[in-house]
Amino acid sequence: MLRNSLISGIVSPLANARVASQEAAQRVDPGEGPGGEVGEGAVLDFHIAEQRTRFATCGLPVVSIDTKKKELVGSFKNAGTTWRQTTEFVSDHDFRSDAAGLATPFGIYDVGASRGAVFVGTSHDTPALAAEHVVRWWAIEGRDRHAGVAKPLVLAHGGGGNGPRLRVFTHALQTRLCDAHGLRVTLCHDPAGASKWNPIEHRLFSEISKNWAGCPLRSYQTILNDISTTTATTGLRVTAHLVDQPYVTGERISDAMMATLHVDRHTTQPQRNDTIHPRT
């Protein structure tokens, strides 16, 4: 067996070392060419930034949506530490079969108001579920907070149940939100791999994770309590809602049904950016 000192003597002259990679100060776009030309991801970033500025300047609501990491409900270890006098013991394995359930937190963060709403689902994470959460948020909080305003901007992650290619999500927003409430919804999706630039990630989800760090999520009520007591120095306040309605996977929307929607695609990255108009 080679000793560490011997390996070091061989490697050191080659100026090698064990070095961890570090994130660059500026984002490196995967679409950037050797000549420094702007890639598609950067173009999309610029477009989303312009939309956010325009909506905020006009006093229109800007909301960010995404699904937080799913959590096992039960006596399982939750990373982090807490102040306590005695040790709290949990299971030594995280088996899904031992869990009381699976919590799927879907968050909606109102950027200008610094208010968050988290809907904790107990069923499958489907496009219909994601759209229904947005509808619930508007009916419970958004409509009163933004009375008289009918043109929200929704910033969404590029994947999951609210992805840009999911017909069920778009169709549900048209019928359940835009048509039912007379809203004109502008929807912008982050490029692939850029979810951490979505405001909800670092302004809401990160604060929730810090609040329940080290606390076993033994029940759905514990999860709701930990979410609703989350605060931040920015003035963040959060509401939590349990949604135990079952949702099935495999729902399909036909070409004929999509043809009835009133959707305007943007000229910039039209597959990821659009505006849905009410049909009534």
C-alpha atoms as a PDB file:
ATOM      1  CA  MET A   1       0.000   0.000   0.000  1.00  0.00           C
ATOM      2  CA  LEU A   2       1.333   3.455  -0.958  1.00  0.00           C
ATOM      3  CA  ARG A   3       1.674   5.902   1.899  1.00  0.00           C
ATOM      4  CA  ASN A   4       0.150   9.386   1.675  1.00  0.00           C
ATOM      5  CA  SER A   5       3.613  10.922   1.993  1.00  0.00           C
ATOM      6  CA  LEU A   6       4.838   8.938  -1.008  1.00  0.00           C
ATOM      7  CA  ILE A   7       1.799   9.908  -3.106  1.00  0.00           C
ATOM      8  CA  SER A   8       2.260  13.539  -2.108  1.00  0.00           C
ATOM      9  CA  GLY A   9       5.883  13.437  -3.221  1.00  0.00           C
ATOM     10  CA  ILE A  10       4.864  12.147  -6.630  1.00  0.00           C
ATOM     11  CA  VAL A  11       1.906  14.477  -7.154  1.00  0.00           C
ATOM     12  CA  SER A  12       3.347  17.727  -5.768  1.00  0.00           C
ATOM     13  CA  PRO A  13       5.898  18.263  -8.542  1.00  0.00           C
ATOM     14  CA  LEU A  14       3.033  18.092 -11.028  1.00  0.00           C
ATOM     15  CA  ALA A  15       1.362  21.069  -9.295  1.00  0.00           C
ATOM     16  CA  ASN A  16      -1.813  19.070  -8.707  1.00  0.00           C
ATOM     17  CA  ALA A  17      -4.066  19.430  -5.709  1.00  0.00           C
ATOM     18  CA  ARG A  18      -7.475  18.353  -4.457  1.00  0.00           C
ATOM     19  CA  VAL A  19      -9.568  21.441  -5.204  1.00  0.00           C
ATOM     20  CA  ALA A  20     -13.335  21.793  -4.996  1.00  0.00           C
ATOM     21  CA  SER A  21     -15.114  23.555  -7.840  1.00  0.00           C
ATOM     22  CA  GLN A  22     -16.573  26.978  -7.071  1.00  0.00           C
ATOM     23  CA  GLU A  23     -19.498  28.837  -8.562  1.00  0.00           C
ATOM     24  CA  ALA A  24     -18.410  31.769 -10.680  1.00  0.00           C
ATOM     25  CA  ALA A  25     -19.228  35.299  -9.592  1.00  0.00           C
ATOM     26  CA  GLN A  26     -21.151  35.685 -12.815  1.00  0.00           C
ATOM     27  CA  ARG A  27     -23.465  33.092 -14.255  1.00  0.00           C
ATOM     28  CA  VAL A  28     -21.949  31.086 -17.114  1.00  0.00           C
ATOM     29  CA  ASP A  29     -24.592  30.482 -19.753  1.00  0.00           C
ATOM     30  CA  PRO A  30     -24.392  27.047 -21.422  1.00  0.00           C
ATOM     31  CA  GLY A  31     -25.454  28.634 -24.684  1.00  0.00           C
ATOM     32  CA  GLU A  32     -22.585  31.122 -24.785  1.00  0.00           C
ATOM     33  CA  GLY A  33     -20.311  30.641 -27.739  1.00  0.00           C
ATOM     34  CA  PRO A  34     -16.514  30.887 -27.917  1.00  0.00           C
ATOM     35  CA  GLY A  35     -16.791  34.459 -29.138  1.00  0.00           C
ATOM     36  CA  GLY A  36     -18.835  35.525 -26.114  1.00  0.00           C
ATOM     37  CA  GLU A  37     -22.097  35.817 -28.007  1.00  0.00           C
ATOM     38  CA  VAL A  38     -25.266  35.791 -25.916  1.00  0.00           C
ATOM     39  CA  GLY A  39     -26.827  32.366 -25.479  1.00  0.00           C
ATOM     40  CA  GLU A  40     -30.492  31.457 -25.445  1.00  0.00           C
ATOM     41  CA  GLY A  41     -30.554  31.187 -21.653  1.00  0.00           C
ATOM     42  CA  ALA A  42     -29.234  34.747 -21.269  1.00  0.00           C
ATOM     43  CA  VAL A  43     -31.800  36.057 -23.764  1.00  0.00           C
ATOM     44  CA  LEU A  44     -34.544  34.416 -21.724  1.00  0.00           C
ATOM     45  CA  ASP A  45     -33.120  35.893 -18.512  1.00  0.00           C
ATOM     46  CA  PHE A  46     -33.185  39.364 -20.053  1.00  0.00           C
ATOM     47  CA  HIS A  47     -36.764  38.877 -21.180  1.00  0.00           C
ATOM     48  CA  ILE A  48     -37.930  37.750 -17.740  1.00  0.00           C
ATOM     49  CA  ALA A  49     -36.100  40.658 -16.089  1.00  0.00           C
ATOM     50  CA  GLU A  50     -37.774  43.103 -18.469  1.00  0.00           C
ATOM     51  CA  GLN A  51     -41.181  41.618 -17.717  1.00  0.00           C
ATOM     52  CA  ARG A  52     -40.610  41.861 -13.968  1.00  0.00           C
ATOM     53  CA  THR A  53     -39.532  45.502 -14.240  1.00  0.00           C
ATOM     54  CA  ARG A  54     -42.457  46.421 -16.470  1.00  0.00           C
ATOM     55  CA  PHE A  55     -45.075  44.782 -14.265  1.00  0.00           C
ATOM     56  CA  ALA A  56     -43.593  46.177 -11.039  1.00  0.00           C
ATOM     57  CA  THR A  57     -43.395  49.686 -12.501  1.00  0.00           C
ATOM     58  CA  CYS A  58     -47.062  49.504 -13.466  1.00  0.00           C
ATOM     59  CA  GLY A  59     -48.044  48.299  -9.994  1.00  0.00           C
ATOM     60  CA  LEU A  60     -49.083  44.873 -11.264  1.00  0.00           C
ATOM     61  CA  PRO A  61     -48.578  41.725  -9.162  1.00  0.00           C
ATOM     62  CA  VAL A  62     -45.519  39.560  -9.745  1.00  0.00           C
ATOM     63  CA  VAL A  63     -45.714  36.075  -8.242  1.00  0.00           C
ATOM     64  CA  SER A  64     -43.217  33.222  -8.253  1.00  0.00           C
ATOM     65  CA  ILE A  65     -44.345  29.581  -8.098  1.00  0.00           C
ATOM     66  CA  ASP A  66     -42.658  26.214  -7.695  1.00  0.00           C
ATOM     67  CA  THR A  67     -42.865  22.893  -5.861  1.00  0.00           C
ATOM     68  CA  LYS A  68     -40.588  22.434  -2.858  1.00  0.00           C
ATOM     69  CA  LYS A  69     -38.833  19.134  -2.201  1.00  0.00           C
ATOM     70  CA  LYS A  70     -41.225  16.368  -1.180  1.00  0.00           C
ATOM     71  CA  GLU A  71     -41.024  15.377   2.485  1.00  0.00           C
ATOM     72  CA  LEU A  72     -41.736  12.084   4.243  1.00  0.00           C
ATOM     73  CA  VAL A  73     -44.249  12.504   7.045  1.00  0.00           C
ATOM     74  CA  GLY A  74     -43.235  10.624  10.177  1.00  0.00           C
ATOM     75  CA  SER A  75     -40.497  10.124  12.729  1.00  0.00           C
ATOM     76  CA  PHE A  76     -37.582  10.733  10.346  1.00  0.00           C
ATOM     77  CA  LYS A  77     -34.382  12.724  10.672  1.00  0.00           C
ATOM     78  CA  ASN A  78     -34.554  16.261   9.335  1.00  0.00           C
ATOM     79  CA  ALA A  79     -31.177  17.865   8.648  1.00  0.00           C
ATOM     80  CA  GLY A  80     -30.151  20.629  11.030  1.00  0.00           C
ATOM     81  CA  THR A  81     -30.073  21.313  14.761  1.00  0.00           C
ATOM     82  CA  THR A  82     -32.446  22.807  17.314  1.00  0.00           C
ATOM     83  CA  TRP A  83     -32.158  24.223  20.836  1.00  0.00           C
ATOM     84  CA  ARG A  84     -33.428  21.600  23.279  1.00  0.00           C
ATOM     85  CA  GLN A  85     -32.506  20.044  26.621  1.00  0.00           C
ATOM     86  CA  THR A  86     -32.998  16.430  25.583  1.00  0.00           C
ATOM     87  CA  THR A  87     -32.254  14.440  22.446  1.00  0.00           C
ATOM     88  CA  GLU A  88     -35.174  13.666  20.163  1.00  0.00           C
ATOM     89  CA  PHE A  89     -34.881  10.185  18.704  1.00  0.00           C
ATOM     90  CA  VAL A  90     -36.028   9.343  15.193  1.00  0.00           C
ATOM     91  CA  SER A  91     -35.973   6.309  12.924  1.00  0.00           C
ATOM     92  CA  ASP A  92     -32.573   5.191  11.635  1.00  0.00           C
ATOM     93  CA  HIS A  93     -33.978   4.628   8.118  1.00  0.00           C
ATOM     94  CA  ASP A  94     -36.072   6.771   5.792  1.00  0.00           C
ATOM     95  CA  PHE A  95     -38.293   4.128   4.247  1.00  0.00           C
ATOM     96  CA  ARG A  96     -41.316   5.356   2.324  1.00  0.00           C
ATOM     97  CA  SER A  97     -43.276   2.370   3.622  1.00  0.00           C
ATOM     98  CA  ASP A  98     -42.789   3.584   7.215  1.00  0.00           C
ATOM     99  CA  ALA A  99     -44.109   7.085   6.485  1.00  0.00           C
ATOM    100  CA  ALA A 100     -47.568   8.308   7.410  1.00  0.00           C
ATOM    101  CA  GLY A 101     -47.667  10.016   4.043  1.00  0.00           C
ATOM    102  CA  LEU A 102     -45.777  12.138   1.552  1.00  0.00           C
ATOM    103  CA  ALA A 103     -46.072  15.920   1.668  1.00  0.00           C
ATOM    104  CA  THR A 104     -45.729  17.913  -1.553  1.00  0.00           C
ATOM    105  CA  PRO A 105     -45.425  21.635  -0.703  1.00  0.00           C
ATOM    106  CA  PHE A 106     -46.351  23.927  -3.605  1.00  0.00           C
ATOM    107  CA  GLY A 107     -45.414  27.532  -2.953  1.00  0.00           C
ATOM    108  CA  ILE A 108     -46.624  30.854  -4.297  1.00  0.00           C
ATOM    109  CA  TYR A 109     -44.540  33.907  -3.419  1.00  0.00           C
ATOM    110  CA  ASP A 110     -45.926  37.397  -3.946  1.00  0.00           C
ATOM    111  CA  VAL A 111     -42.733  39.304  -4.732  1.00  0.00           C
ATOM    112  CA  GLY A 112     -43.902  42.876  -4.114  1.00  0.00           C
ATOM    113  CA  ALA A 113     -45.826  42.073  -0.936  1.00  0.00           C
ATOM    114  CA  SER A 114     -43.244  39.631   0.502  1.00  0.00           C
ATOM    115  CA  ARG A 115     -46.036  37.178   1.252  1.00  0.00           C
ATOM    116  CA  GLY A 116     -45.939  33.451   0.721  1.00  0.00           C
ATOM    117  CA  ALA A 117     -48.631  30.795   0.524  1.00  0.00           C
ATOM    118  CA  VAL A 118     -47.814  27.093   0.631  1.00  0.00           C
ATOM    119  CA  PHE A 119     -50.319  24.415  -0.288  1.00  0.00           C
ATOM    120  CA  VAL A 120     -49.282  21.041   1.088  1.00  0.00           C
ATOM    121  CA  GLY A 121     -50.602  18.274  -1.118  1.00  0.00           C
ATOM    122  CA  THR A 122     -50.950  14.645  -0.105  1.00  0.00           C
ATOM    123  CA  SER A 123     -51.416  13.232  -3.608  1.00  0.00           C
ATOM    124  CA  HIS A 124     -49.456  13.141  -6.872  1.00  0.00           C
ATOM    125  CA  ASP A 125     -47.640  16.265  -8.049  1.00  0.00           C
ATOM    126  CA  THR A 126     -49.571  16.814 -11.290  1.00  0.00           C
ATOM    127  CA  PRO A 127     -50.066  19.799 -13.635  1.00  0.00           C
ATOM    128  CA  ALA A 128     -53.729  19.944 -12.625  1.00  0.00           C
ATOM    129  CA  LEU A 129     -52.701  20.175  -8.973  1.00  0.00           C
ATOM    130  CA  ALA A 130     -50.206  22.974  -9.671  1.00  0.00           C
ATOM    131  CA  ALA A 131     -52.796  25.011 -11.576  1.00  0.00           C
ATOM    132  CA  GLU A 132     -55.411  24.418  -8.882  1.00  0.00           C
ATOM    133  CA  HIS A 133     -53.031  25.771  -6.238  1.00  0.00           C
ATOM    134  CA  VAL A 134     -52.629  29.003  -8.214  1.00  0.00           C
ATOM    135  CA  VAL A 135     -56.409  29.271  -8.492  1.00  0.00           C
ATOM    136  CA  ARG A 136     -56.783  28.684  -4.747  1.00  0.00           C
ATOM    137  CA  TRP A 137     -54.183  31.334  -3.963  1.00  0.00           C
ATOM    138  CA  TRP A 138     -55.959  33.929  -6.097  1.00  0.00           C
ATOM    139  CA  ALA A 139     -59.334  33.152  -4.491  1.00  0.00           C
ATOM    140  CA  ILE A 140     -57.997  33.114  -0.920  1.00  0.00           C
ATOM    141  CA  GLU A 141     -55.355  35.867  -0.950  1.00  0.00           C
ATOM    142  CA  GLY A 142     -54.472  37.343  -4.321  1.00  0.00           C
ATOM    143  CA  ARG A 143     -57.875  38.724  -5.247  1.00  0.00           C
ATOM    144  CA  ASP A 144     -58.176  40.790  -2.060  1.00  0.00           C
ATOM    145  CA  ARG A 145     -54.536  41.882  -1.986  1.00  0.00           C
ATOM    146  CA  HIS A 146     -54.630  43.012  -5.618  1.00  0.00           C
ATOM    147  CA  ALA A 147     -58.216  44.238  -5.854  1.00  0.00           C
ATOM    148  CA  GLY A 148     -59.033  45.726  -9.236  1.00  0.00           C
ATOM    149  CA  VAL A 149     -55.916  44.275 -10.860  1.00  0.00           C
ATOM    150  CA  ALA A 150     -56.422  41.649 -13.553  1.00  0.00           C
ATOM    151  CA  LYS A 151     -52.965  41.268 -15.113  1.00  0.00           C
ATOM    152  CA  PRO A 152     -50.566  39.226 -12.925  1.00  0.00           C
ATOM    153  CA  LEU A 153     -47.115  38.030 -13.985  1.00  0.00           C
ATOM    154  CA  VAL A 154     -46.331  34.456 -12.965  1.00  0.00           C
ATOM    155  CA  LEU A 155     -42.690  33.308 -12.811  1.00  0.00           C
ATOM    156  CA  ALA A 156     -42.414  29.538 -12.935  1.00  0.00           C
ATOM    157  CA  HIS A 157     -39.760  26.861 -12.830  1.00  0.00           C
ATOM    158  CA  GLY A 158     -39.027  25.205 -16.181  1.00  0.00           C
ATOM    159  CA  GLY A 159     -39.964  21.718 -14.963  1.00  0.00           C
ATOM    160  CA  GLY A 160     -42.268  19.883 -12.588  1.00  0.00           C
ATOM    161  CA  GLY A 161     -46.026  20.170 -12.626  1.00  0.00           C
ATOM    162  CA  ASN A 162     -45.937  23.765 -13.913  1.00  0.00           C
ATOM    163  CA  GLY A 163     -43.579  23.174 -16.840  1.00  0.00           C
ATOM    164  CA  PRO A 164     -44.006  25.090 -20.114  1.00  0.00           C
ATOM    165  CA  ARG A 165     -44.808  22.015 -22.216  1.00  0.00           C
ATOM    166  CA  LEU A 166     -47.581  20.663 -20.017  1.00  0.00           C
ATOM    167  CA  ARG A 167     -50.909  21.130 -21.745  1.00  0.00           C
ATOM    168  CA  VAL A 168     -52.885  20.245 -18.639  1.00  0.00           C
ATOM    169  CA  PHE A 169     -51.324  23.140 -16.717  1.00  0.00           C
ATOM    170  CA  THR A 170     -52.014  25.680 -19.473  1.00  0.00           C
ATOM    171  CA  HIS A 171     -55.545  24.414 -20.069  1.00  0.00           C
ATOM    172  CA  ALA A 172     -56.377  24.541 -16.347  1.00  0.00           C
ATOM    173  CA  LEU A 173     -55.071  28.099 -16.028  1.00  0.00           C
ATOM    174  CA  GLN A 174     -57.229  29.128 -18.980  1.00  0.00           C
ATOM    175  CA  THR A 175     -60.449  27.573 -17.723  1.00  0.00           C
ATOM    176  CA  ARG A 176     -60.080  27.788 -13.938  1.00  0.00           C
ATOM    177  CA  LEU A 177     -58.219  31.083 -13.553  1.00  0.00           C
ATOM    178  CA  CYS A 178     -58.380  33.323 -16.610  1.00  0.00           C
ATOM    179  CA  ASP A 179     -61.940  32.531 -17.713  1.00  0.00           C
ATOM    180  CA  ALA A 180     -63.376  32.133 -14.224  1.00  0.00           C
ATOM    181  CA  HIS A 181     -61.808  35.300 -12.755  1.00  0.00           C
ATOM    182  CA  GLY A 182     -61.330  37.445 -15.863  1.00  0.00           C
ATOM    183  CA  LEU A 183     -57.533  37.530 -15.536  1.00  0.00           C
ATOM    184  CA  ARG A 184     -54.926  38.041 -18.209  1.00  0.00           C
ATOM    185  CA  VAL A 185     -51.991  35.959 -16.961  1.00  0.00           C
ATOM    186  CA  THR A 186     -48.477  36.405 -18.321  1.00  0.00           C
ATOM    187  CA  LEU A 187     -46.447  33.257 -17.716  1.00  0.00           C
ATOM    188  CA  CYS A 188     -42.638  33.141 -17.919  1.00  0.00           C
ATOM    189  CA  HIS A 189     -40.601  29.972 -17.318  1.00  0.00           C
ATOM    190  CA  ASP A 190     -36.968  29.840 -16.239  1.00  0.00           C
ATOM    191  CA  PRO A 191     -34.517  28.069 -18.559  1.00  0.00           C
ATOM    192  CA  ALA A 192     -33.476  24.532 -17.699  1.00  0.00           C
ATOM    193  CA  GLY A 193     -31.197  24.338 -14.663  1.00  0.00           C
ATOM    194  CA  ALA A 194     -31.931  27.880 -13.519  1.00  0.00           C
ATOM    195  CA  SER A 195     -34.582  27.298 -10.877  1.00  0.00           C
ATOM    196  CA  LYS A 196     -32.456  28.879  -8.155  1.00  0.00           C
ATOM    197  CA  TRP A 197     -32.898  32.254  -9.859  1.00  0.00           C
ATOM    198  CA  ASN A 198     -36.650  31.976  -9.299  1.00  0.00           C
ATOM    199  CA  PRO A 199     -37.427  34.360  -6.392  1.00  0.00           C
ATOM    200  CA  ILE A 200     -39.417  31.755  -4.482  1.00  0.00           C
ATOM    201  CA  GLU A 201     -36.347  29.573  -4.008  1.00  0.00           C
ATOM    202  CA  HIS A 202     -34.268  32.019  -1.968  1.00  0.00           C
ATOM    203  CA  ARG A 203     -37.002  34.224  -0.518  1.00  0.00           C
ATOM    204  CA  LEU A 204     -39.508  31.605   0.650  1.00  0.00           C
ATOM    205  CA  PHE A 205     -38.320  27.996   0.391  1.00  0.00           C
ATOM    206  CA  SER A 206     -34.934  28.690   1.952  1.00  0.00           C
ATOM    207  CA  GLU A 207     -36.581  30.399   4.929  1.00  0.00           C
ATOM    208  CA  ILE A 208     -38.955  27.471   5.443  1.00  0.00           C
ATOM    209  CA  SER A 209     -36.030  25.042   5.366  1.00  0.00           C
ATOM    210  CA  LYS A 210     -34.224  27.083   8.028  1.00  0.00           C
ATOM    211  CA  ASN A 211     -37.325  27.274  10.198  1.00  0.00           C
ATOM    212  CA  TRP A 212     -37.912  23.528  10.349  1.00  0.00           C
ATOM    213  CA  ALA A 213     -34.251  22.482  10.303  1.00  0.00           C
ATOM    214  CA  GLY A 214     -33.636  19.702  12.821  1.00  0.00           C
ATOM    215  CA  CYS A 215     -37.351  19.222  13.510  1.00  0.00           C
ATOM    216  CA  PRO A 216     -38.834  15.836  12.533  1.00  0.00           C
ATOM    217  CA  LEU A 217     -41.906  16.330  10.369  1.00  0.00           C
ATOM    218  CA  ARG A 218     -44.003  13.861  12.337  1.00  0.00           C
ATOM    219  CA  SER A 219     -47.404  14.931  10.991  1.00  0.00           C
ATOM    220  CA  TYR A 220     -49.037  17.122   8.384  1.00  0.00           C
ATOM    221  CA  GLN A 221     -50.032  19.516  11.155  1.00  0.00           C
ATOM    222  CA  THR A 222     -46.380  19.851  12.179  1.00  0.00           C
ATOM    223  CA  ILE A 223     -45.512  20.739   8.585  1.00  0.00           C
ATOM    224  CA  LEU A 224     -48.289  23.342   8.423  1.00  0.00           C
ATOM    225  CA  ASN A 225     -47.187  24.875  11.750  1.00  0.00           C
ATOM    226  CA  ASP A 226     -43.540  25.072  10.691  1.00  0.00           C
ATOM    227  CA  ILE A 227     -44.457  26.709   7.401  1.00  0.00           C
ATOM    228  CA  SER A 228     -46.935  29.214   8.831  1.00  0.00           C
ATOM    229  CA  THR A 229     -44.490  30.366  11.540  1.00  0.00           C
ATOM    230  CA  THR A 230     -41.747  31.120   9.004  1.00  0.00           C
ATOM    231  CA  THR A 231     -40.625  34.750   8.995  1.00  0.00           C
ATOM    232  CA  ALA A 232     -37.658  36.773   7.728  1.00  0.00           C
ATOM    233  CA  THR A 233     -36.125  40.191   8.231  1.00  0.00           C
ATOM    234  CA  THR A 234     -37.623  41.200   4.877  1.00  0.00           C
ATOM    235  CA  GLY A 235     -41.065  41.137   6.487  1.00  0.00           C
ATOM    236  CA  LEU A 236     -41.967  37.737   5.064  1.00  0.00           C
ATOM    237  CA  ARG A 237     -45.210  36.182   6.283  1.00  0.00           C
ATOM    238  CA  VAL A 238     -46.479  32.792   5.164  1.00  0.00           C
ATOM    239  CA  THR A 239     -49.800  30.969   5.180  1.00  0.00           C
ATOM    240  CA  ALA A 240     -50.086  27.184   4.957  1.00  0.00           C
ATOM    241  CA  HIS A 241     -52.953  25.068   3.656  1.00  0.00           C
ATOM    242  CA  LEU A 242     -53.464  21.316   3.569  1.00  0.00           C
ATOM    243  CA  VAL A 243     -54.890  19.919   0.319  1.00  0.00           C
ATOM    244  CA  ASP A 244     -55.877  16.287   0.766  1.00  0.00           C
ATOM    245  CA  GLN A 245     -57.775  16.019  -2.505  1.00  0.00           C
ATOM    246  CA  PRO A 246     -56.541  13.118  -4.684  1.00  0.00           C
ATOM    247  CA  TYR A 247     -55.141  13.893  -8.143  1.00  0.00           C
ATOM    248  CA  VAL A 248     -54.573  11.285 -10.841  1.00  0.00           C
ATOM    249  CA  THR A 249     -51.717  11.158 -13.307  1.00  0.00           C
ATOM    250  CA  GLY A 250     -51.949  10.608 -17.045  1.00  0.00           C
ATOM    251  CA  GLU A 251     -54.488  13.314 -17.883  1.00  0.00           C
ATOM    252  CA  ARG A 252     -54.385  14.360 -21.541  1.00  0.00           C
ATOM    253  CA  ILE A 253     -55.492  17.478 -23.416  1.00  0.00           C
ATOM    254  CA  SER A 254     -56.253  16.990 -27.113  1.00  0.00           C
ATOM    255  CA  ASP A 255     -55.194  19.253 -29.988  1.00  0.00           C
ATOM    256  CA  ALA A 256     -58.826  20.265 -30.429  1.00  0.00           C
ATOM    257  CA  MET A 257     -59.051  21.391 -26.797  1.00  0.00           C
ATOM    258  CA  MET A 258     -55.795  23.331 -27.050  1.00  0.00           C
ATOM    259  CA  ALA A 259     -57.050  25.084 -30.176  1.00  0.00           C
ATOM    260  CA  THR A 260     -59.854  26.682 -28.145  1.00  0.00           C
ATOM    261  CA  LEU A 261     -57.452  28.424 -25.754  1.00  0.00           C
ATOM    262  CA  HIS A 262     -56.654  32.129 -26.065  1.00  0.00           C
ATOM    263  CA  VAL A 263     -52.879  32.049 -25.669  1.00  0.00           C
ATOM    264  CA  ASP A 264     -50.468  34.579 -27.183  1.00  0.00           C
ATOM    265  CA  ARG A 265     -46.899  33.363 -27.464  1.00  0.00           C
ATOM    266  CA  HIS A 266     -44.143  35.907 -26.888  1.00  0.00           C
ATOM    267  CA  THR A 267     -41.611  36.591 -29.629  1.00  0.00           C
ATOM    268  CA  THR A 268     -38.794  35.787 -27.180  1.00  0.00           C
ATOM    269  CA  GLN A 269     -38.614  32.061 -26.443  1.00  0.00           C
ATOM    270  CA  PRO A 270     -42.302  31.483 -27.314  1.00  0.00           C
ATOM    271  CA  GLN A 271     -42.163  27.915 -26.037  1.00  0.00           C
ATOM    272  CA  ARG A 272     -41.487  29.264 -22.512  1.00  0.00           C
ATOM    273  CA  ASN A 273     -43.264  32.629 -22.435  1.00  0.00           C
ATOM    274  CA  ASP A 274     -46.907  33.374 -23.160  1.00  0.00           C
ATOM    275  CA  THR A 275     -49.937  35.389 -22.093  1.00  0.00           C
ATOM    276  CA  ILE A 276     -53.283  33.714 -21.466  1.00  0.00           C
ATOM    277  CA  HIS A 277     -56.350  35.891 -22.047  1.00  0.00           C
ATOM    278  CA  PRO A 278     -59.858  35.315 -20.698  1.00  0.00           C
ATOM    279  CA  ARG A 279     -62.271  34.057 -23.340  1.00  0.00           C
ATOM    280  CA  THR A 280     -65.316  35.705 -21.782  1.00  0.00           C
END
